Amino acid sequence: GESVRAQFAHPRRADGEAWRHCLTNAHPITDAAGNIAGVSLLLLDTTAEQRSEQALRQSEQRFRQLAEGLPEIVWTADPAGNIDYCNARWYAYTRCDGHTRSEWCSFIHPADLPNWRESWAKSIVTGDDYEIEHQFLRHDGVYRWFLCRAQAVCNSDGEVIKWVGTCTDIHHHKESEQMLRH
């Protein structure tokens, strides 16, 4: 006599498809005396939604595998430039669990910070690619040079929906440049 809502998968043989996903709602129908006279049954095929969710999970898993497998610091930010993801390289380099924009600022060399702020703000406003060289503080107190780049990911209307970026350690390259100058 109770309503039931269930999600299940069942085999479908009509078109050779192995499984279909369904959402079912069943409600008792009672007569004037309160006796169950029947059942109202709604069956909704959710196979397309299930497949979309699975594809999204697989895509996210591929991104994470790629981001964690690269030797660079990989990060993403929301449209406003707030950093919302960093790979394990960031944590290994800084030993910092946080990765927000304000936390990043504390790892950028004070002499490089104004240029970083200006460059990042400009890219956020224009949607143009971001590229800058600056020094990041390592967990042991040493600053190292990095080349940081990001590109905007846009929706079909051209609006930025995400920033994807990398920071590549170029410290040895910068040291070589300085030695050549001297």
N, C-alpha and C. Protein backbone atom coordinates (compact mmCIF):
# COMPACT_ATOMS: atom_id res chain seq x y z
N GLY A 1 0.79 -1.20 0.00
CA GLY A 1 0.00 0.00 0.00
C GLY A 1 0.83 1.27 0.00
N GLU A 2 2.15 1.18 -0.12
CA GLU A 2 3.00 2.36 -0.11
C GLU A 2 3.50 2.69 -1.52
N SER A 3 3.80 3.97 -1.74
CA SER A 3 4.41 4.37 -3.00
C SER A 3 5.87 3.92 -3.02
N VAL A 4 6.32 3.57 -4.20
CA VAL A 4 7.69 3.09 -4.35
C VAL A 4 8.35 3.82 -5.51
N ARG A 5 9.60 4.21 -5.30
CA ARG A 5 10.41 4.81 -6.36
C ARG A 5 11.70 4.02 -6.42
N ALA A 6 12.05 3.53 -7.59
CA ALA A 6 13.25 2.71 -7.72
C ALA A 6 13.92 2.97 -9.06
N GLN A 7 15.23 2.84 -9.05
CA GLN A 7 15.99 2.92 -10.29
C GLN A 7 16.62 1.56 -10.50
N PHE A 8 16.55 1.07 -11.73
CA PHE A 8 17.10 -0.24 -12.00
C PHE A 8 17.54 -0.33 -13.45
N ALA A 9 18.32 -1.36 -13.72
CA ALA A 9 18.73 -1.67 -15.09
C ALA A 9 18.13 -3.02 -15.45
N HIS A 10 17.72 -3.14 -16.70
CA HIS A 10 17.16 -4.42 -17.13
C HIS A 10 17.62 -4.71 -18.55
N PRO A 11 17.69 -6.01 -18.89
CA PRO A 11 18.09 -6.36 -20.25
C PRO A 11 16.98 -6.01 -21.23
N ARG A 12 17.41 -5.61 -22.41
CA ARG A 12 16.43 -5.30 -23.46
C ARG A 12 16.88 -6.05 -24.71
N ARG A 13 16.01 -6.87 -25.22
CA ARG A 13 16.38 -7.71 -26.34
C ARG A 13 15.86 -7.20 -27.68
N ALA A 14 14.97 -6.22 -27.66
CA ALA A 14 14.30 -5.77 -28.88
C ALA A 14 15.28 -5.28 -29.95
N ASP A 15 16.25 -4.48 -29.57
CA ASP A 15 17.18 -3.95 -30.56
C ASP A 15 18.62 -4.41 -30.32
N GLY A 16 18.78 -5.46 -29.52
CA GLY A 16 20.10 -6.01 -29.27
C GLY A 16 20.87 -5.28 -28.19
N GLU A 17 20.31 -4.22 -27.63
CA GLU A 17 20.99 -3.49 -26.57
C GLU A 17 21.02 -4.33 -25.30
N ALA A 18 22.18 -4.31 -24.63
CA ALA A 18 22.35 -5.18 -23.47
C ALA A 18 21.51 -4.73 -22.27
N TRP A 19 21.57 -3.45 -21.91
CA TRP A 19 20.90 -2.99 -20.71
C TRP A 19 20.26 -1.63 -20.96
N ARG A 20 19.13 -1.41 -20.32
CA ARG A 20 18.47 -0.11 -20.29
C ARG A 20 18.34 0.28 -18.82
N HIS A 21 18.43 1.57 -18.54
CA HIS A 21 18.27 2.07 -17.18
C HIS A 21 16.90 2.74 -17.08
N CYS A 22 16.20 2.44 -16.01
CA CYS A 22 14.85 2.96 -15.85
C CYS A 22 14.64 3.49 -14.44
N LEU A 23 13.80 4.50 -14.37
CA LEU A 23 13.33 5.03 -13.09
C LEU A 23 11.85 4.68 -13.02
N THR A 24 11.45 4.06 -11.94
CA THR A 24 10.07 3.60 -11.79
C THR A 24 9.44 4.25 -10.58
N ASN A 25 8.23 4.74 -10.77
CA ASN A 25 7.40 5.24 -9.68
C ASN A 25 6.11 4.43 -9.68
N ALA A 26 5.80 3.83 -8.55
CA ALA A 26 4.56 3.04 -8.42
C ALA A 26 3.76 3.59 -7.24
N HIS A 27 2.50 3.86 -7.51
CA HIS A 27 1.61 4.39 -6.46
C HIS A 27 0.34 3.56 -6.42
N PRO A 28 -0.11 3.20 -5.22
CA PRO A 28 -1.35 2.42 -5.13
C PRO A 28 -2.57 3.29 -5.47
N ILE A 29 -3.53 2.67 -6.09
CA ILE A 29 -4.81 3.33 -6.37
C ILE A 29 -5.83 2.66 -5.45
N THR A 30 -6.50 3.45 -4.64
CA THR A 30 -7.46 2.88 -3.69
C THR A 30 -8.88 3.25 -4.08
N ASP A 31 -9.81 2.38 -3.67
CA ASP A 31 -11.22 2.67 -3.90
C ASP A 31 -11.77 3.49 -2.74
N ALA A 32 -13.05 3.76 -2.76
CA ALA A 32 -13.67 4.60 -1.74
C ALA A 32 -13.53 4.02 -0.34
N ALA A 33 -13.42 2.70 -0.24
CA ALA A 33 -13.29 2.04 1.07
C ALA A 33 -11.84 1.98 1.53
N GLY A 34 -10.89 2.47 0.69
CA GLY A 34 -9.49 2.44 1.07
C GLY A 34 -8.77 1.17 0.66
N ASN A 35 -9.46 0.30 -0.05
CA ASN A 35 -8.81 -0.93 -0.52
C ASN A 35 -8.02 -0.65 -1.79
N ILE A 36 -6.92 -1.36 -1.93
CA ILE A 36 -6.12 -1.19 -3.14
C ILE A 36 -6.86 -1.78 -4.32
N ALA A 37 -7.10 -0.91 -5.30
CA ALA A 37 -7.84 -1.34 -6.49
C ALA A 37 -6.91 -1.48 -7.69
N GLY A 38 -5.71 -0.97 -7.59
CA GLY A 38 -4.77 -1.04 -8.70
C GLY A 38 -3.49 -0.30 -8.37
N VAL A 39 -2.66 -0.15 -9.37
CA VAL A 39 -1.37 0.52 -9.20
C VAL A 39 -1.17 1.47 -10.38
N SER A 40 -0.77 2.66 -10.07
CA SER A 40 -0.36 3.61 -11.10
C SER A 40 1.14 3.47 -11.25
N LEU A 41 1.59 3.16 -12.44
CA LEU A 41 3.00 2.87 -12.67
C LEU A 41 3.54 3.81 -13.74
N LEU A 42 4.64 4.46 -13.42
CA LEU A 42 5.33 5.33 -14.36
C LEU A 42 6.72 4.77 -14.54
N LEU A 43 7.07 4.50 -15.78
CA LEU A 43 8.38 3.96 -16.10
C LEU A 43 9.07 4.95 -17.03
N LEU A 44 10.23 5.47 -16.60
CA LEU A 44 10.96 6.47 -17.36
C LEU A 44 12.32 5.90 -17.74
N ASP A 45 12.62 5.87 -19.04
CA ASP A 45 13.90 5.37 -19.52
C ASP A 45 14.96 6.44 -19.28
N THR A 46 15.94 6.14 -18.45
CA THR A 46 17.02 7.09 -18.12
C THR A 46 18.36 6.65 -18.69
N THR A 47 18.33 5.79 -19.69
CA THR A 47 19.57 5.26 -20.27
C THR A 47 20.46 6.37 -20.79
N ALA A 48 19.91 7.33 -21.52
CA ALA A 48 20.72 8.42 -22.08
C ALA A 48 21.38 9.22 -20.97
N GLU A 49 20.65 9.52 -19.91
CA GLU A 49 21.22 10.27 -18.79
C GLU A 49 22.32 9.48 -18.10
N GLN A 50 22.09 8.19 -17.92
CA GLN A 50 23.10 7.33 -17.29
C GLN A 50 24.37 7.29 -18.12
N ARG A 51 24.21 7.19 -19.44
CA ARG A 51 25.38 7.16 -20.33
C ARG A 51 26.11 8.50 -20.31
N SER A 52 25.37 9.60 -20.26
CA SER A 52 26.01 10.92 -20.19
C SER A 52 26.80 11.08 -18.90
N GLU A 53 26.21 10.65 -17.80
CA GLU A 53 26.91 10.72 -16.51
C GLU A 53 28.16 9.85 -16.52
N GLN A 54 28.07 8.67 -17.12
CA GLN A 54 29.23 7.78 -17.19
C GLN A 54 30.31 8.40 -18.07
N ALA A 55 29.92 9.00 -19.19
CA ALA A 55 30.90 9.65 -20.08
C ALA A 55 31.57 10.81 -19.36
N LEU A 56 30.81 11.58 -18.59
CA LEU A 56 31.38 12.68 -17.83
C LEU A 56 32.37 12.18 -16.78
N ARG A 57 32.01 11.11 -16.07
CA ARG A 57 32.92 10.53 -15.08
C ARG A 57 34.21 10.04 -15.74
N GLN A 58 34.08 9.40 -16.91
CA GLN A 58 35.26 8.91 -17.62
C GLN A 58 36.13 10.06 -18.10
N SER A 59 35.49 11.13 -18.59
CA SER A 59 36.23 12.30 -19.05
C SER A 59 36.99 12.94 -17.88
N GLU A 60 36.32 13.06 -16.75
CA GLU A 60 36.96 13.63 -15.57
C GLU A 60 38.12 12.75 -15.11
N GLN A 61 37.94 11.45 -15.17
CA GLN A 61 39.00 10.52 -14.78
C GLN A 61 40.20 10.65 -15.72
N ARG A 62 39.95 10.78 -17.03
CA ARG A 62 41.05 10.97 -17.99
C ARG A 62 41.80 12.27 -17.71
N PHE A 63 41.04 13.35 -17.41
CA PHE A 63 41.70 14.62 -17.09
C PHE A 63 42.59 14.47 -15.86
N ARG A 64 42.08 13.85 -14.82
CA ARG A 64 42.86 13.69 -13.59
C ARG A 64 44.11 12.84 -13.84
N GLN A 65 43.96 11.77 -14.63
CA GLN A 65 45.11 10.93 -14.93
C GLN A 65 46.16 11.73 -15.70
N LEU A 66 45.72 12.52 -16.66
CA LEU A 66 46.63 13.36 -17.43
C LEU A 66 47.29 14.40 -16.53
N ALA A 67 46.48 15.10 -15.74
CA ALA A 67 47.00 16.16 -14.88
C ALA A 67 47.98 15.62 -13.85
N GLU A 68 47.70 14.47 -13.31
CA GLU A 68 48.58 13.90 -12.29
C GLU A 68 49.82 13.27 -12.90
N GLY A 69 49.76 12.89 -14.17
CA GLY A 69 50.89 12.24 -14.82
C GLY A 69 51.92 13.20 -15.39
N LEU A 70 51.56 14.46 -15.55
CA LEU A 70 52.49 15.44 -16.13
C LEU A 70 53.50 15.91 -15.09
N PRO A 71 54.71 16.27 -15.54
CA PRO A 71 55.72 16.75 -14.58
C PRO A 71 55.49 18.19 -14.15
N GLU A 72 54.59 18.92 -14.81
CA GLU A 72 54.30 20.30 -14.47
C GLU A 72 53.24 20.39 -13.38
N ILE A 73 53.16 21.57 -12.79
CA ILE A 73 52.02 21.88 -11.93
C ILE A 73 50.86 22.17 -12.86
N VAL A 74 49.78 21.45 -12.69
CA VAL A 74 48.57 21.64 -13.50
C VAL A 74 47.49 22.19 -12.60
N TRP A 75 46.76 23.18 -13.10
CA TRP A 75 45.74 23.82 -12.27
C TRP A 75 44.57 24.26 -13.14
N THR A 76 43.44 24.48 -12.49
CA THR A 76 42.28 25.06 -13.16
C THR A 76 41.74 26.19 -12.27
N ALA A 77 40.99 27.07 -12.92
CA ALA A 77 40.38 28.18 -12.20
C ALA A 77 38.99 28.43 -12.77
N ASP A 78 38.13 29.02 -11.96
CA ASP A 78 36.79 29.37 -12.44
C ASP A 78 36.88 30.60 -13.34
N PRO A 79 35.80 31.03 -13.96
CA PRO A 79 35.85 32.17 -14.88
C PRO A 79 36.40 33.46 -14.25
N ALA A 80 36.22 33.62 -12.94
CA ALA A 80 36.71 34.82 -12.26
C ALA A 80 38.19 34.71 -11.89
N GLY A 81 38.81 33.57 -12.19
CA GLY A 81 40.23 33.41 -11.91
C GLY A 81 40.54 32.79 -10.57
N ASN A 82 39.54 32.30 -9.87
CA ASN A 82 39.76 31.66 -8.57
C ASN A 82 40.20 30.22 -8.79
N ILE A 83 41.38 29.89 -8.33
CA ILE A 83 41.96 28.57 -8.55
C ILE A 83 41.16 27.54 -7.77
N ASP A 84 40.70 26.50 -8.50
CA ASP A 84 39.84 25.50 -7.86
C ASP A 84 40.40 24.08 -7.93
N TYR A 85 41.53 23.90 -8.58
CA TYR A 85 42.16 22.58 -8.63
C TYR A 85 43.65 22.74 -8.87
N CYS A 86 44.44 21.94 -8.19
CA CYS A 86 45.88 21.81 -8.45
C CYS A 86 46.23 20.34 -8.37
N ASN A 87 47.12 19.91 -9.22
CA ASN A 87 47.53 18.50 -9.16
C ASN A 87 48.51 18.28 -8.01
N ALA A 88 48.93 17.04 -7.86
CA ALA A 88 49.80 16.67 -6.73
C ALA A 88 51.15 17.36 -6.78
N ARG A 89 51.58 17.80 -7.96
CA ARG A 89 52.88 18.49 -8.07
C ARG A 89 52.88 19.78 -7.25
N TRP A 90 51.75 20.49 -7.24
CA TRP A 90 51.64 21.71 -6.44
C TRP A 90 51.86 21.40 -4.97
N TYR A 91 51.20 20.34 -4.50
CA TYR A 91 51.30 19.98 -3.09
C TYR A 91 52.71 19.49 -2.75
N ALA A 92 53.34 18.77 -3.67
CA ALA A 92 54.70 18.29 -3.43
C ALA A 92 55.68 19.47 -3.40
N TYR A 93 55.46 20.45 -4.26
CA TYR A 93 56.37 21.59 -4.34
C TYR A 93 56.21 22.52 -3.14
N THR A 94 54.97 22.83 -2.77
CA THR A 94 54.71 23.81 -1.71
C THR A 94 54.48 23.19 -0.35
N ARG A 95 54.05 21.95 -0.32
CA ARG A 95 53.59 21.26 0.90
C ARG A 95 52.40 22.01 1.51
N CYS A 96 51.65 22.68 0.65
CA CYS A 96 50.47 23.43 1.08
C CYS A 96 49.23 22.74 0.57
N ASP A 97 48.27 22.51 1.45
CA ASP A 97 47.02 21.88 1.05
C ASP A 97 46.11 22.83 0.29
N GLY A 98 46.24 24.12 0.53
CA GLY A 98 45.37 25.09 -0.11
C GLY A 98 45.86 25.48 -1.49
N HIS A 99 44.94 25.97 -2.31
CA HIS A 99 45.33 26.37 -3.65
C HIS A 99 44.52 27.56 -4.16
N THR A 100 43.94 28.33 -3.27
CA THR A 100 43.16 29.49 -3.69
C THR A 100 44.09 30.58 -4.22
N ARG A 101 43.50 31.58 -4.85
CA ARG A 101 44.31 32.67 -5.42
C ARG A 101 45.12 33.36 -4.33
N SER A 102 44.50 33.63 -3.18
CA SER A 102 45.24 34.31 -2.10
C SER A 102 46.38 33.43 -1.58
N GLU A 103 46.16 32.12 -1.55
CA GLU A 103 47.23 31.22 -1.11
C GLU A 103 48.36 31.19 -2.14
N TRP A 104 48.01 31.24 -3.43
CA TRP A 104 49.06 31.29 -4.45
C TRP A 104 49.91 32.54 -4.28
N CYS A 105 49.26 33.65 -3.96
CA CYS A 105 50.00 34.91 -3.80
C CYS A 105 51.10 34.79 -2.75
N SER A 106 50.87 34.01 -1.73
CA SER A 106 51.87 33.87 -0.68
C SER A 106 53.09 33.06 -1.14
N PHE A 107 52.99 32.38 -2.29
CA PHE A 107 54.11 31.60 -2.80
C PHE A 107 54.85 32.31 -3.95
N ILE A 108 54.30 33.40 -4.44
CA ILE A 108 54.94 34.15 -5.51
C ILE A 108 55.91 35.15 -4.90
N HIS A 109 57.09 35.25 -5.49
CA HIS A 109 58.11 36.17 -4.98
C HIS A 109 57.53 37.59 -4.92
N PRO A 110 57.73 38.31 -3.82
CA PRO A 110 57.16 39.65 -3.67
C PRO A 110 57.49 40.59 -4.84
N ALA A 111 58.68 40.46 -5.42
CA ALA A 111 59.05 41.32 -6.55
C ALA A 111 58.25 40.99 -7.81
N ASP A 112 57.76 39.76 -7.91
CA ASP A 112 57.01 39.31 -9.10
C ASP A 112 55.50 39.47 -8.94
N LEU A 113 55.06 39.70 -7.72
CA LEU A 113 53.62 39.70 -7.43
C LEU A 113 52.83 40.78 -8.18
N PRO A 114 53.29 42.03 -8.25
CA PRO A 114 52.49 43.03 -8.98
C PRO A 114 52.31 42.68 -10.45
N ASN A 115 53.36 42.20 -11.10
CA ASN A 115 53.27 41.82 -12.50
C ASN A 115 52.33 40.62 -12.68
N TRP A 116 52.40 39.65 -11.75
CA TRP A 116 51.50 38.48 -11.79
C TRP A 116 50.05 38.93 -11.68
N ARG A 117 49.77 39.79 -10.69
CA ARG A 117 48.40 40.26 -10.50
C ARG A 117 47.87 40.97 -11.74
N GLU A 118 48.68 41.84 -12.31
CA GLU A 118 48.27 42.61 -13.49
C GLU A 118 48.03 41.68 -14.69
N SER A 119 48.94 40.77 -14.91
CA SER A 119 48.84 39.86 -16.05
C SER A 119 47.63 38.94 -15.94
N TRP A 120 47.42 38.37 -14.76
CA TRP A 120 46.31 37.45 -14.54
C TRP A 120 44.98 38.21 -14.65
N ALA A 121 44.90 39.38 -14.06
CA ALA A 121 43.67 40.19 -14.13
C ALA A 121 43.34 40.55 -15.58
N LYS A 122 44.35 40.89 -16.36
CA LYS A 122 44.13 41.23 -17.77
C LYS A 122 43.55 40.03 -18.53
N SER A 123 44.12 38.86 -18.33
CA SER A 123 43.62 37.67 -19.01
C SER A 123 42.18 37.34 -18.60
N ILE A 124 41.88 37.52 -17.32
CA ILE A 124 40.52 37.24 -16.85
C ILE A 124 39.51 38.16 -17.52
N VAL A 125 39.87 39.43 -17.66
CA VAL A 125 38.97 40.41 -18.28
C VAL A 125 38.83 40.17 -19.78
N THR A 126 39.94 39.89 -20.46
CA THR A 126 39.92 39.78 -21.93
C THR A 126 39.65 38.36 -22.42
N GLY A 127 39.95 37.37 -21.60
CA GLY A 127 39.85 35.98 -22.05
C GLY A 127 41.05 35.54 -22.86
N ASP A 128 42.05 36.43 -22.97
CA ASP A 128 43.27 36.10 -23.73
C ASP A 128 44.12 35.10 -22.96
N ASP A 129 44.96 34.37 -23.71
CA ASP A 129 45.88 33.43 -23.08
C ASP A 129 46.75 34.16 -22.06
N TYR A 130 47.10 33.43 -21.03
CA TYR A 130 47.92 33.97 -19.94
C TYR A 130 49.28 33.31 -20.01
N GLU A 131 50.34 34.12 -19.91
CA GLU A 131 51.70 33.59 -19.87
C GLU A 131 52.59 34.56 -19.12
N ILE A 132 53.31 34.03 -18.15
CA ILE A 132 54.19 34.87 -17.33
C ILE A 132 55.28 33.99 -16.73
N GLU A 133 56.42 34.59 -16.49
CA GLU A 133 57.50 33.94 -15.74
C GLU A 133 57.58 34.62 -14.38
N HIS A 134 57.61 33.81 -13.35
CA HIS A 134 57.78 34.35 -12.00
C HIS A 134 58.37 33.27 -11.10
N GLN A 135 58.73 33.66 -9.91
CA GLN A 135 59.33 32.74 -8.96
C GLN A 135 58.30 32.25 -7.96
N PHE A 136 58.32 30.93 -7.73
CA PHE A 136 57.46 30.30 -6.72
C PHE A 136 58.34 29.85 -5.55
N LEU A 137 57.83 30.05 -4.35
CA LEU A 137 58.52 29.62 -3.14
C LEU A 137 58.30 28.12 -2.94
N ARG A 138 59.40 27.40 -2.82
CA ARG A 138 59.33 25.97 -2.56
C ARG A 138 59.20 25.73 -1.06
N HIS A 139 58.77 24.56 -0.67
CA HIS A 139 58.54 24.24 0.75
C HIS A 139 59.77 24.42 1.62
N ASP A 140 60.97 24.37 1.03
CA ASP A 140 62.20 24.51 1.82
C ASP A 140 62.71 25.95 1.88
N GLY A 141 61.90 26.91 1.38
CA GLY A 141 62.27 28.31 1.46
C GLY A 141 63.03 28.84 0.26
N VAL A 142 63.22 28.03 -0.77
CA VAL A 142 63.95 28.43 -1.98
C VAL A 142 62.96 28.87 -3.05
N TYR A 143 63.24 30.00 -3.71
CA TYR A 143 62.43 30.44 -4.84
C TYR A 143 63.01 29.85 -6.12
N ARG A 144 62.12 29.36 -6.98
CA ARG A 144 62.52 28.82 -8.29
C ARG A 144 61.66 29.48 -9.36
N TRP A 145 62.25 29.65 -10.53
CA TRP A 145 61.55 30.27 -11.65
C TRP A 145 60.60 29.27 -12.33
N PHE A 146 59.42 29.78 -12.69
CA PHE A 146 58.42 28.99 -13.40
C PHE A 146 57.86 29.79 -14.57
N LEU A 147 57.54 29.08 -15.62
CA LEU A 147 56.77 29.63 -16.73
C LEU A 147 55.33 29.17 -16.52
N CYS A 148 54.43 30.11 -16.29
CA CYS A 148 53.03 29.78 -16.04
C CYS A 148 52.19 30.21 -17.25
N ARG A 149 51.36 29.30 -17.69
CA ARG A 149 50.49 29.54 -18.84
C ARG A 149 49.09 29.05 -18.53
N ALA A 150 48.11 29.71 -19.15
CA ALA A 150 46.73 29.25 -19.03
C ALA A 150 45.96 29.65 -20.27
N GLN A 151 44.95 28.86 -20.57
CA GLN A 151 44.02 29.16 -21.65
C GLN A 151 42.61 29.08 -21.11
N ALA A 152 41.77 29.93 -21.67
CA ALA A 152 40.36 29.91 -21.30
C ALA A 152 39.65 28.79 -22.06
N VAL A 153 38.77 28.10 -21.37
CA VAL A 153 37.86 27.15 -22.00
C VAL A 153 36.52 27.86 -22.08
N CYS A 154 35.97 27.96 -23.29
CA CYS A 154 34.75 28.73 -23.50
C CYS A 154 33.59 27.84 -23.91
N ASN A 155 32.38 28.29 -23.59
CA ASN A 155 31.19 27.58 -24.04
C ASN A 155 30.85 27.99 -25.46
N SER A 156 29.74 27.51 -25.99
CA SER A 156 29.38 27.79 -27.38
C SER A 156 29.06 29.27 -27.62
N ASP A 157 28.79 30.02 -26.56
CA ASP A 157 28.54 31.46 -26.69
C ASP A 157 29.82 32.28 -26.54
N GLY A 158 30.96 31.62 -26.38
CA GLY A 158 32.22 32.32 -26.24
C GLY A 158 32.52 32.80 -24.84
N GLU A 159 31.70 32.40 -23.88
CA GLU A 159 31.92 32.81 -22.49
C GLU A 159 32.91 31.85 -21.82
N VAL A 160 33.82 32.42 -21.04
CA VAL A 160 34.80 31.60 -20.32
C VAL A 160 34.07 30.81 -19.25
N ILE A 161 34.27 29.49 -19.26
CA ILE A 161 33.67 28.64 -18.23
C ILE A 161 34.72 28.03 -17.31
N LYS A 162 35.99 28.09 -17.73
CA LYS A 162 37.07 27.49 -16.93
C LYS A 162 38.39 27.97 -17.50
N TRP A 163 39.37 28.06 -16.65
CA TRP A 163 40.76 28.30 -17.07
C TRP A 163 41.54 27.03 -16.78
N VAL A 164 42.40 26.62 -17.71
CA VAL A 164 43.26 25.45 -17.54
C VAL A 164 44.69 25.92 -17.71
N GLY A 165 45.52 25.62 -16.72
CA GLY A 165 46.88 26.15 -16.78
C GLY A 165 47.94 25.17 -16.31
N THR A 166 49.18 25.54 -16.62
CA THR A 166 50.34 24.77 -16.17
C THR A 166 51.41 25.74 -15.67
N CYS A 167 52.24 25.25 -14.78
CA CYS A 167 53.42 25.98 -14.32
C CYS A 167 54.61 25.02 -14.50
N THR A 168 55.56 25.44 -15.34
CA THR A 168 56.71 24.61 -15.68
C THR A 168 57.96 25.20 -15.04
N ASP A 169 58.70 24.37 -14.34
CA ASP A 169 59.94 24.80 -13.69
C ASP A 169 60.97 25.11 -14.77
N ILE A 170 61.41 26.38 -14.84
CA ILE A 170 62.41 26.81 -15.82
C ILE A 170 63.65 27.39 -15.11
N HIS A 171 63.82 27.00 -13.86
CA HIS A 171 64.89 27.59 -13.04
C HIS A 171 66.27 27.41 -13.67
N HIS A 172 66.58 26.22 -14.14
CA HIS A 172 67.91 25.98 -14.73
C HIS A 172 68.10 26.83 -15.99
N HIS A 173 67.06 26.99 -16.75
CA HIS A 173 67.11 27.84 -17.94
C HIS A 173 67.41 29.29 -17.55
N LYS A 174 66.73 29.80 -16.54
CA LYS A 174 66.96 31.18 -16.08
C LYS A 174 68.38 31.35 -15.53
N GLU A 175 68.87 30.36 -14.80
CA GLU A 175 70.25 30.42 -14.30
C GLU A 175 71.24 30.46 -15.46
N SER A 176 71.00 29.66 -16.49
CA SER A 176 71.87 29.66 -17.67
C SER A 176 71.85 31.02 -18.36
N GLU A 177 70.69 31.62 -18.47
CA GLU A 177 70.58 32.96 -19.07
C GLU A 177 71.41 33.97 -18.28
N GLN A 178 71.29 33.91 -16.96
CA GLN A 178 72.04 34.84 -16.12
C GLN A 178 73.55 34.63 -16.26
N MET A 179 73.99 33.38 -16.34
CA MET A 179 75.41 33.11 -16.49
C MET A 179 75.91 33.64 -17.84
N LEU A 180 75.13 33.49 -18.88
CA LEU A 180 75.52 34.00 -20.20
C LEU A 180 75.61 35.52 -20.21
N ARG A 181 74.70 36.18 -19.49
CA ARG A 181 74.73 37.64 -19.41
C ARG A 181 75.99 38.14 -18.70
N HIS A 182 76.45 37.40 -17.68
CA HIS A 182 77.62 37.81 -16.91
C HIS A 182 78.86 37.50 -17.71
